[in-house]
Amino acid sequence: MDGVAPAHSVTGGTALSVITIAGVLSAIVFGISAAAFLRRRSAAYLLLTIAFGLLFARSAVGFASLTGMILDGTHHLLEHAIDALVAVVVIAAVYYARQAERRASRSPESNGYSDGPRKP
């Protein structure tokens, strides 16, 4: 296909900057979600923490590919696998939250929280 650039044709400083910023920001969000999980200790928070950790891993894969640590084919396989895992984990988190909501609404001692008692 003449004249068509590959999907990841941006290389060098710009791509490295974007991946670095994405990595730093996703690491921050992952850290915040891990702290929230440690505070709340619920399955919903665990699943979201895993999803944010996978987003950080996706940035790490991009960085490793850009710096030549992994091959392009491996990079694409890993990114698509991570995308699929993120989708599965987010769907599981939503399903869990909905189930917890239903259980809480049927429970006579419901405290109004869908994923367990709130810790101070």
Protein backbone atom coordinates (compact mmCIF):
# COMPACT_ATOMS: atom_id res chain seq x y z
CA MET A 1 0.00 0.00 0.00
CA ASP A 2 1.93 2.95 -1.31
CA GLY A 3 1.51 6.25 0.47
CA VAL A 4 -0.16 4.81 3.57
CA ALA A 5 1.72 5.26 6.83
CA PRO A 6 1.60 2.51 9.45
CA ALA A 7 -0.64 3.14 12.45
CA HIS A 8 2.34 3.81 14.74
CA SER A 9 4.41 5.90 12.35
CA VAL A 10 5.24 8.63 14.88
CA THR A 11 8.62 7.95 16.43
CA GLY A 12 11.34 9.80 18.22
CA GLY A 13 10.97 12.61 20.71
CA THR A 14 7.26 13.33 20.28
CA ALA A 15 6.19 9.72 20.76
CA LEU A 16 8.56 9.27 23.67
CA SER A 17 7.18 12.41 25.33
CA VAL A 18 3.57 11.31 24.88
CA ILE A 19 4.27 7.81 26.19
CA THR A 20 6.25 9.19 29.13
CA ILE A 21 3.45 11.59 30.10
CA ALA A 22 0.85 8.83 29.71
CA GLY A 23 2.99 6.51 31.82
CA VAL A 24 3.47 9.03 34.61
CA LEU A 25 -0.22 9.97 34.70
CA SER A 26 -1.39 6.36 34.59
CA ALA A 27 1.06 5.51 37.38
CA ILE A 28 -0.43 8.31 39.49
CA VAL A 29 -4.00 7.12 38.84
CA PHE A 30 -2.94 3.54 39.58
CA GLY A 31 -1.35 4.67 42.87
CA ILE A 32 -4.46 6.58 43.88
CA SER A 33 -6.67 3.60 43.05
CA ALA A 34 -4.39 1.26 45.02
CA ALA A 35 -4.62 3.60 48.02
CA ALA A 36 -8.42 3.68 47.68
CA PHE A 37 -8.50 -0.12 47.52
CA LEU A 38 -6.34 -0.43 50.62
CA ARG A 39 -8.74 1.89 52.43
CA ARG A 40 -12.01 0.30 51.25
CA ARG A 41 -10.89 -3.32 50.67
CA SER A 42 -13.78 -4.23 48.40
CA ALA A 43 -13.89 -6.32 45.24
CA ALA A 44 -15.10 -3.36 43.16
CA TYR A 45 -12.09 -1.28 44.21
CA LEU A 46 -9.76 -4.21 43.55
CA LEU A 47 -11.12 -4.65 40.04
CA LEU A 48 -10.74 -0.95 39.26
CA THR A 49 -7.20 -0.99 40.65
CA ILE A 50 -6.38 -3.92 38.36
CA ALA A 51 -7.84 -2.02 35.37
CA PHE A 52 -5.75 1.07 36.16
CA GLY A 53 -2.68 -1.12 36.64
CA LEU A 54 -3.28 -2.59 33.20
CA LEU A 55 -3.46 0.91 31.71
CA PHE A 56 -0.09 1.63 33.28
CA ALA A 57 1.22 -1.66 31.84
CA ARG A 58 0.01 -0.56 28.40
CA SER A 59 2.14 2.59 28.66
CA ALA A 60 5.10 0.47 29.76
CA VAL A 61 4.63 -1.76 26.68
CA GLY A 62 4.57 1.33 24.45
CA PHE A 63 7.74 2.65 26.06
CA ALA A 64 9.47 -0.72 25.72
CA SER A 65 8.51 -0.89 22.06
CA LEU A 66 9.63 2.65 21.30
CA THR A 67 13.01 2.09 22.94
CA GLY A 68 13.54 -1.22 21.13
CA MET A 69 13.19 -3.49 24.16
CA ILE A 70 10.42 -5.47 22.46
CA LEU A 71 9.60 -6.09 18.80
CA ASP A 72 6.68 -4.43 17.01
CA GLY A 73 4.76 -7.69 16.63
CA THR A 74 5.10 -8.44 20.32
CA HIS A 75 4.13 -4.85 21.12
CA HIS A 76 0.89 -5.14 19.16
CA LEU A 77 0.03 -8.52 20.65
CA LEU A 78 0.64 -7.24 24.20
CA GLU A 79 -1.34 -4.03 23.66
CA HIS A 80 -4.35 -5.89 22.29
CA ALA A 81 -4.17 -8.45 25.09
CA ILE A 82 -4.04 -5.65 27.67
CA ASP A 83 -6.99 -3.90 25.99
CA ALA A 84 -9.02 -7.11 26.19
CA LEU A 85 -8.08 -7.60 29.85
CA VAL A 86 -9.09 -4.01 30.69
CA ALA A 87 -12.47 -4.59 29.05
CA VAL A 88 -13.00 -7.84 30.98
CA VAL A 89 -12.01 -6.28 34.31
CA VAL A 90 -14.23 -3.21 33.81
CA ILE A 91 -17.20 -5.40 32.83
CA ALA A 92 -16.55 -7.54 35.93
CA ALA A 93 -16.43 -4.42 38.12
CA VAL A 94 -19.73 -3.15 36.74
CA TYR A 95 -21.33 -6.59 37.14
CA TYR A 96 -20.04 -6.88 40.71
CA ALA A 97 -21.28 -3.39 41.60
CA ARG A 98 -24.73 -4.15 40.18
CA GLN A 99 -24.93 -7.43 42.11
CA ALA A 100 -23.84 -5.71 45.33
CA GLU A 101 -26.43 -2.99 44.72
CA ARG A 102 -29.17 -5.60 44.36
CA ARG A 103 -28.05 -7.43 47.50
CA ALA A 104 -27.95 -4.18 49.46
CA SER A 105 -31.42 -3.13 48.35
CA ARG A 106 -32.88 -6.50 49.47
CA SER A 107 -31.05 -6.52 52.79
CA PRO A 108 -33.04 -5.22 55.79
CA GLU A 109 -29.84 -3.99 57.45
CA SER A 110 -28.73 -2.10 54.34
CA ASN A 111 -26.58 0.90 55.13
CA GLY A 112 -26.97 2.53 51.72
CA TYR A 113 -23.54 1.49 50.42
CA SER A 114 -23.43 -1.01 47.57
CA ASP A 115 -20.03 -2.53 48.32
CA GLY A 116 -19.91 -2.84 52.08
CA PRO A 117 -19.69 -0.54 55.04
CA ARG A 118 -17.79 2.69 54.63
CA LYS A 119 -14.62 2.84 56.68
CA PRO A 120 -13.68 6.11 58.39
